[in-house]
Amino acid sequence: MTQQTWDEVGGLLPHDEFRAASEAIVANIEQVIEGKTATVRLALAVLLAEGHLLIEDVPGVGKTKLAKALARSIDCTVRRIQFTPDLLPSDVTGVSVYNQETHDFEFRPGAVFANLVVGDEINRASPKTQSALLECMEERQVTVDGVTYQLQTPFMVIATQNPIEMEGTYPLPEAQRDRFTARIAMGYPDSHAELAMLDGHGATDPLHELRPVSDAAIVRQLIATVRQVHVADAVKQYAIDLVTATREAPDLRLGASPRATLQLLRTARAVAALEGRDYVLPDDLQVLAVPVLAHRIIPTADAQLARRTTDAIVSELVHRLPLPHDRQRNPYDTRPATGNGRAPYEPRRP
């Protein structure tokens, strides 16, 4: 099987073309998801950061619609997996089948062989089936019967789960949750957005009429452009300090992993690019701390008894941690340096 490997991306896009392509995707998704611009943009940022998204919220708020709207906005291969207790790992990764004509085994690809894989109610599958996603999410490859098959670019898993229903569900293990770049919650819409939803969704489902506004080649170029976003050393150290704070917090018995630090920076690059910047600000890391870190940490028993959520703990750490003071000069800043060779952090474009 000859496929493009996950590290093969396209060329860079000029600033105007990047903004036009990203805004078109966001606007297209918002035809289906009303009043959730920040959530939609974060979902797109995870895609451009080459990550995976976990959408966790109560039933009926549009988790699956967001996943399907993002998938349909991009003219890529899309596969949807309805996770059920009887789902097998081979249904996800694929299986080798004996061919009577050739007298040999041939590989039948599973549902993960697509650009976007939508996993609905992922916590309803058994841990054995959930573990089938571990290799493909981290290494962008699938190994079946000793043969490794590379996945295409872009590749993204968008999974949904219901946090309040425990009957017939299997909680995601720590290794699985750590592979999701971000966890978001849809939340209830405000009254204006819900009224617009009644008008737009009352007779027909706009998802059925949604048409692609981008394709895999453009998404690969968007990803390549995001990779070039500059991150100053002081911002990198601030990311490390944020993650280290979770490992030292007394309310947590498990902090965030080094993978979390890497994905925090990757997502910050994507957010900065979507905001029209070619550099990352500490503010980007602060905004992303909860969605990127909160699902990876485990509170202590005392914190759980006190009903302290991981979101609240991470928010408190962000507010307590000071912003970087020794702010390095950005390579794109053309202003004269100060006496100590430094300049204010935020650069001004020439």
Protein backbone atom coordinates (compact mmCIF):
# COMPACT_ATOMS: atom_id res chain seq x y z
CA MET A 1 0.00 0.00 0.00
CA THR A 2 1.64 3.24 -1.13
CA GLN A 3 0.35 6.25 0.70
CA GLN A 4 1.67 9.66 1.57
CA THR A 5 3.31 9.57 4.99
CA TRP A 6 2.16 11.88 7.72
CA ASP A 7 5.26 14.08 7.60
CA GLU A 8 4.87 14.98 3.91
CA VAL A 9 3.12 18.34 3.76
CA GLY A 10 2.70 20.99 1.12
CA GLY A 11 4.35 24.34 0.58
CA LEU A 12 3.79 27.51 2.56
CA LEU A 13 0.83 29.80 1.97
CA PRO A 14 1.08 33.59 1.87
CA HIS A 15 -0.57 35.38 4.78
CA ASP A 16 -3.62 36.51 2.79
CA GLU A 17 -4.26 33.07 1.32
CA PHE A 18 -3.86 31.41 4.72
CA ARG A 19 -6.37 33.77 6.30
CA ALA A 20 -8.84 33.38 3.43
CA ALA A 21 -8.67 29.57 3.51
CA SER A 22 -9.00 29.31 7.31
CA GLU A 23 -11.82 31.82 7.54
CA ALA A 24 -13.71 30.02 4.78
CA ILE A 25 -13.57 26.77 6.78
CA VAL A 26 -14.73 28.50 9.96
CA ALA A 27 -17.59 30.27 8.18
CA ASN A 28 -18.67 27.01 6.55
CA ILE A 29 -18.82 25.17 9.88
CA GLU A 30 -20.78 28.03 11.43
CA GLN A 31 -23.58 27.39 8.96
CA VAL A 32 -24.27 24.30 11.10
CA ILE A 33 -22.94 25.27 14.55
CA GLU A 34 -24.59 28.47 15.75
CA GLY A 35 -22.90 30.89 18.16
CA LYS A 36 -19.79 28.82 18.90
CA THR A 37 -17.06 30.68 17.01
CA ALA A 38 -14.37 30.14 19.65
CA THR A 39 -15.09 26.40 19.78
CA VAL A 40 -15.06 26.10 15.99
CA ARG A 41 -11.76 27.97 15.71
CA LEU A 42 -10.17 25.79 18.39
CA ALA A 43 -11.28 22.65 16.55
CA LEU A 44 -9.66 23.98 13.36
CA ALA A 45 -6.51 24.91 15.33
CA VAL A 46 -6.20 21.31 16.53
CA LEU A 47 -6.42 20.09 12.94
CA LEU A 48 -3.70 22.51 11.81
CA ALA A 49 -1.57 21.52 14.82
CA GLU A 50 -1.67 17.91 13.54
CA GLY A 51 -3.49 16.83 16.68
CA HIS A 52 -6.65 15.04 17.73
CA LEU A 53 -9.78 16.42 19.36
CA LEU A 54 -11.96 15.06 22.16
CA ILE A 55 -15.41 16.67 22.38
CA GLU A 56 -16.94 15.95 25.77
CA ASP A 57 -20.36 17.27 26.73
CA VAL A 58 -23.92 16.33 27.56
CA PRO A 59 -26.20 14.87 24.85
CA GLY A 60 -27.84 17.08 22.25
CA VAL A 61 -25.46 20.06 22.19
CA GLY A 62 -23.94 19.33 18.77
CA LYS A 63 -20.79 17.29 19.46
CA THR A 64 -21.19 15.00 16.46
CA LYS A 65 -22.47 17.84 14.26
CA LEU A 66 -19.29 19.83 14.91
CA ALA A 67 -17.14 16.82 14.01
CA LYS A 68 -19.11 16.09 10.84
CA ALA A 69 -19.26 19.77 9.82
CA LEU A 70 -15.48 20.07 10.07
CA ALA A 71 -15.08 16.88 8.09
CA ARG A 72 -17.50 17.99 5.35
CA SER A 73 -15.91 21.43 5.07
CA ILE A 74 -12.72 19.79 3.86
CA ASP A 75 -12.81 17.68 0.71
CA CYS A 76 -10.90 14.82 2.34
CA THR A 77 -11.64 11.18 2.99
CA VAL A 78 -13.88 10.84 6.05
CA ARG A 79 -14.86 7.74 7.98
CA ARG A 80 -17.27 7.60 10.91
CA ILE A 81 -17.04 4.90 13.60
CA GLN A 82 -19.94 4.33 15.96
CA PHE A 83 -18.21 2.90 19.00
CA THR A 84 -20.25 0.10 20.57
CA PRO A 85 -19.38 -2.62 23.11
CA ASP A 86 -19.15 -5.26 20.37
CA LEU A 87 -16.80 -3.23 18.13
CA LEU A 88 -13.55 -5.13 17.46
CA PRO A 89 -10.03 -3.71 17.05
CA SER A 90 -9.91 -5.10 13.51
CA ASP A 91 -12.98 -3.01 12.67
CA VAL A 92 -10.86 0.05 13.43
CA THR A 93 -7.43 -0.83 12.07
CA GLY A 94 -8.21 -3.42 9.41
CA VAL A 95 -7.68 -7.15 8.97
CA SER A 96 -5.79 -9.55 6.73
CA VAL A 97 -8.15 -11.79 4.72
CA TYR A 98 -7.18 -14.91 2.82
CA ASN A 99 -7.82 -14.60 -0.92
CA GLN A 100 -8.81 -17.91 -2.49
CA GLU A 101 -7.79 -16.76 -5.98
CA THR A 102 -4.29 -15.55 -5.17
CA HIS A 103 -3.77 -18.06 -2.32
CA ASP A 104 -2.39 -15.29 -0.18
CA PHE A 105 -3.51 -12.91 2.54
CA GLU A 106 -4.53 -9.39 1.52
CA PHE A 107 -5.05 -6.44 3.81
CA ARG A 108 -8.49 -4.86 4.11
CA PRO A 109 -8.04 -1.34 5.55
CA GLY A 110 -10.15 -0.37 8.54
CA ALA A 111 -11.91 2.88 9.33
CA VAL A 112 -8.76 4.71 10.42
CA PHE A 113 -7.52 4.84 6.83
CA ALA A 114 -9.03 8.26 6.19
CA ASN A 115 -8.01 11.88 6.62
CA LEU A 116 -10.63 12.57 9.28
CA VAL A 117 -11.92 9.81 11.54
CA VAL A 118 -15.03 10.66 13.55
CA GLY A 119 -15.37 8.38 16.59
CA ASP A 120 -18.83 8.76 18.08
CA GLU A 121 -19.25 7.84 21.79
CA ILE A 122 -15.71 6.52 22.02
CA ASN A 123 -16.08 5.46 25.65
CA ARG A 124 -18.76 2.89 24.75
CA ALA A 125 -16.16 0.58 23.19
CA SER A 126 -14.13 -1.84 25.27
CA PRO A 127 -10.59 -0.89 26.36
CA LYS A 128 -9.25 -3.46 23.89
CA THR A 129 -10.90 -1.65 20.99
CA GLN A 130 -9.95 1.78 22.32
CA SER A 131 -6.30 0.71 22.38
CA ALA A 132 -6.47 0.09 18.62
CA LEU A 133 -6.26 3.88 18.19
CA LEU A 134 -3.09 4.35 20.23
CA GLU A 135 -0.57 3.67 17.47
CA CYS A 136 -2.37 5.55 14.71
CA MET A 137 -2.98 8.64 16.85
CA GLU A 138 0.63 8.97 17.95
CA GLU A 139 2.67 7.56 15.07
CA ARG A 140 0.31 8.02 12.11
CA GLN A 141 0.67 4.39 11.18
CA VAL A 142 -1.07 1.04 11.66
CA THR A 143 0.64 -2.30 12.19
CA VAL A 144 -1.32 -5.43 11.33
CA ASP A 145 0.25 -8.91 11.27
CA GLY A 146 3.73 -7.43 11.43
CA VAL A 147 3.23 -5.09 8.45
CA THR A 148 3.19 -1.33 8.99
CA TYR A 149 0.91 0.88 6.88
CA GLN A 150 1.37 4.66 6.84
CA LEU A 151 -1.64 6.93 7.19
CA GLN A 152 -2.39 9.91 4.98
CA THR A 153 -1.93 13.60 5.66
CA PRO A 154 -3.83 15.28 7.15
CA PHE A 155 -4.92 12.73 9.72
CA MET A 156 -7.15 13.63 12.65
CA VAL A 157 -9.30 11.72 15.10
CA ILE A 158 -12.33 13.60 16.40
CA ALA A 159 -13.96 11.65 19.22
CA THR A 160 -17.06 12.44 21.24
CA GLN A 161 -18.16 11.18 24.63
CA ASN A 162 -20.84 11.84 27.23
CA PRO A 163 -19.31 12.68 30.64
CA ILE A 164 -22.43 12.11 32.75
CA GLU A 165 -23.66 8.73 31.51
CA MET A 166 -21.73 5.85 33.10
CA GLU A 167 -23.95 2.87 32.25
CA GLY A 168 -22.34 0.73 29.56
CA THR A 169 -19.27 2.94 29.19
CA TYR A 170 -15.55 2.39 29.70
CA PRO A 171 -13.54 5.42 30.87
CA LEU A 172 -10.69 6.35 28.56
CA PRO A 173 -7.32 5.28 30.00
CA GLU A 174 -4.65 7.89 30.70
CA ALA A 175 -2.57 6.83 27.67
CA GLN A 176 -5.58 7.36 25.40
CA ARG A 177 -6.52 10.75 26.83
CA ASP A 178 -2.93 11.94 26.61
CA ARG A 179 -2.98 11.40 22.85
CA PHE A 180 -5.84 13.86 22.40
CA THR A 181 -4.37 17.29 21.82
CA ALA A 182 -7.33 19.13 23.31
CA ARG A 183 -10.63 18.47 25.00
CA ILE A 184 -13.46 20.91 24.44
CA ALA A 185 -17.03 21.22 25.60
CA MET A 186 -19.76 22.61 23.36
CA GLY A 187 -21.89 24.13 26.10
CA TYR A 188 -25.47 25.29 25.70
CA PRO A 189 -26.12 28.03 23.13
CA ASP A 190 -27.37 31.42 24.20
CA SER A 191 -30.96 32.41 23.46
CA HIS A 192 -30.12 34.22 20.21
CA ALA A 193 -28.08 31.30 18.87
CA GLU A 194 -30.78 28.84 19.86
CA LEU A 195 -33.42 30.97 18.11
CA ALA A 196 -31.27 31.04 14.97
CA MET A 197 -30.91 27.27 15.28
CA LEU A 198 -34.69 26.86 15.35
CA ASP A 199 -35.01 28.95 12.20
CA GLY A 200 -32.16 27.23 10.36
CA HIS A 201 -32.63 23.65 11.55
CA GLY A 202 -36.40 23.58 11.95
CA ALA A 203 -37.30 22.27 8.50
CA THR A 204 -34.04 20.83 7.12
CA ASP A 205 -30.63 19.91 8.46
CA PRO A 206 -28.03 22.35 7.03
CA LEU A 207 -25.40 19.65 7.46
CA HIS A 208 -26.88 17.81 4.48
CA GLU A 209 -26.36 20.85 2.25
CA LEU A 210 -22.85 21.66 3.46
CA ARG A 211 -20.27 21.71 0.68
CA PRO A 212 -16.45 21.54 0.96
CA VAL A 213 -14.58 24.83 0.87
CA SER A 214 -11.09 23.30 1.06
CA ASP A 215 -9.28 20.08 0.25
CA ALA A 216 -6.44 17.93 1.55
CA ALA A 217 -3.79 19.78 -0.48
CA ILE A 218 -4.76 23.15 0.97
CA VAL A 219 -4.93 21.73 4.50
CA ARG A 220 -1.39 20.36 4.06
CA GLN A 221 -0.26 23.85 3.05
CA LEU A 222 -2.01 25.32 6.08
CA ILE A 223 -0.20 22.82 8.30
CA ALA A 224 3.15 23.64 6.71
CA THR A 225 2.54 27.35 7.31
CA VAL A 226 1.65 26.75 10.96
CA ARG A 227 4.91 24.85 11.47
CA GLN A 228 6.84 27.99 10.56
CA VAL A 229 5.25 30.20 13.24
CA HIS A 230 8.00 31.56 15.48
CA VAL A 231 8.16 30.69 19.19
CA ALA A 232 10.63 32.69 21.30
CA ASP A 233 12.76 30.90 23.89
CA ALA A 234 10.99 32.77 26.69
CA VAL A 235 7.63 31.50 25.47
CA LYS A 236 8.96 27.94 25.27
CA GLN A 237 10.18 28.23 28.85
CA TYR A 238 6.78 29.57 29.90
CA ALA A 239 5.14 26.49 28.35
CA ILE A 240 7.51 24.27 30.32
CA ASP A 241 6.72 26.20 33.50
CA LEU A 242 2.98 25.71 32.94
CA VAL A 243 3.35 21.97 32.52
CA THR A 244 5.80 21.70 35.42
CA ALA A 245 3.30 23.49 37.66
CA THR A 246 0.79 20.68 37.06
CA ARG A 247 3.39 18.11 38.16
CA GLU A 248 4.07 20.00 41.41
CA ALA A 249 0.52 21.04 42.30
CA PRO A 250 -0.59 19.56 45.64
CA ASP A 251 -4.11 18.96 44.31
CA LEU A 252 -2.87 16.67 41.53
CA ARG A 253 -1.47 13.16 41.76
CA LEU A 254 -0.61 13.05 38.06
CA GLY A 255 0.61 16.07 36.11
CA ALA A 256 0.87 16.67 32.38
CA SER A 257 3.39 14.78 30.28
CA PRO A 258 6.16 16.10 28.00
CA ARG A 259 3.80 15.26 25.12
CA ALA A 260 1.47 17.87 26.59
CA THR A 261 4.22 20.51 26.40
CA LEU A 262 4.83 19.71 22.75
CA GLN A 263 1.16 19.76 21.81
CA LEU A 264 0.61 22.97 23.77
CA LEU A 265 3.21 24.72 21.63
CA ARG A 266 1.92 23.18 18.39
CA THR A 267 -1.62 24.32 19.13
CA ALA A 268 -0.37 27.77 20.14
CA ARG A 269 1.33 28.05 16.75
CA ALA A 270 -1.96 27.22 15.04
CA VAL A 271 -3.92 29.70 17.15
CA ALA A 272 -1.38 32.43 16.43
CA ALA A 273 -1.59 31.75 12.69
CA LEU A 274 -5.39 31.86 12.78
CA GLU A 275 -5.13 35.22 14.54
CA GLY A 276 -2.95 36.54 11.72
CA ARG A 277 0.36 36.41 13.60
CA ASP A 278 3.60 34.64 12.72
CA TYR A 279 4.73 34.49 16.36
CA VAL A 280 3.29 33.01 19.56
CA LEU A 281 2.34 35.12 22.57
CA PRO A 282 2.21 33.93 26.20
CA ASP A 283 -1.50 34.79 26.02
CA ASP A 284 -1.95 31.96 23.49
CA LEU A 285 -0.60 29.48 26.01
CA GLN A 286 -2.84 30.86 28.74
CA VAL A 287 -5.95 30.49 26.58
CA LEU A 288 -5.01 26.94 25.59
CA ALA A 289 -3.90 25.71 29.03
CA VAL A 290 -7.32 24.36 30.06
CA PRO A 291 -8.34 22.61 26.81
CA VAL A 292 -4.86 21.14 26.27
CA LEU A 293 -3.85 20.22 29.83
CA ALA A 294 -6.98 19.64 31.94
CA HIS A 295 -7.92 16.25 30.50
CA ARG A 296 -4.41 14.85 31.03
CA ILE A 297 -4.15 15.39 34.79
CA ILE A 298 -5.62 13.42 37.69
CA PRO A 299 -6.69 15.17 40.92
CA THR A 300 -6.02 13.76 44.36
CA ALA A 301 -8.75 12.12 46.40
CA ASP A 302 -9.01 15.22 48.61
CA ALA A 303 -9.46 17.45 45.57
CA GLN A 304 -12.18 15.16 44.25
CA LEU A 305 -13.97 15.21 47.61
CA ALA A 306 -13.79 19.01 47.54
CA ARG A 307 -15.37 18.85 44.05
CA ARG A 308 -12.45 20.63 42.43
CA THR A 309 -12.41 20.04 38.71
CA THR A 310 -9.26 19.74 36.67
CA ASP A 311 -10.36 22.79 34.65
CA ALA A 312 -10.47 24.88 37.82
CA ILE A 313 -7.09 23.60 38.99
CA VAL A 314 -5.39 24.43 35.68
CA SER A 315 -7.04 27.89 35.59
CA GLU A 316 -5.71 28.60 39.07
CA LEU A 317 -2.20 27.55 38.07
CA VAL A 318 -2.34 29.84 35.03
CA HIS A 319 -3.33 32.81 37.19
CA ARG A 320 -0.62 32.09 39.75
CA LEU A 321 2.24 31.59 37.31
CA PRO A 322 3.97 34.86 36.36
CA LEU A 323 4.38 35.79 32.73
CA PRO A 324 7.92 35.71 31.29
CA HIS A 325 9.93 38.85 32.08
CA ASP A 326 13.07 38.22 30.04
CA ARG A 327 11.33 38.50 26.70
CA GLN A 328 13.64 37.77 23.81
CA ARG A 329 13.69 39.91 20.74
CA ASN A 330 11.61 38.50 17.91
CA PRO A 331 13.63 37.96 14.70
CA TYR A 332 10.95 39.83 12.71
CA ASP A 333 11.13 42.97 14.87
CA THR A 334 12.88 45.82 12.99
CA ARG A 335 12.73 48.35 15.83
CA PRO A 336 16.02 49.49 17.42
CA ALA A 337 17.04 47.37 20.39
CA THR A 338 17.02 48.78 23.91
CA GLY A 339 20.19 49.29 25.95
CA ASN A 340 20.30 45.68 27.11
CA GLY A 341 19.75 44.28 23.63
CA ARG A 342 16.10 43.51 24.29
CA ALA A 343 12.90 44.85 22.81
CA PRO A 344 9.28 44.73 23.93
CA TYR A 345 7.90 41.26 23.31
CA GLU A 346 5.23 41.81 20.71
CA PRO A 347 6.86 42.57 17.36
CA ARG A 348 5.59 45.07 14.89
CA ARG A 349 5.55 43.97 11.28
CA PRO A 350 7.78 45.99 8.95
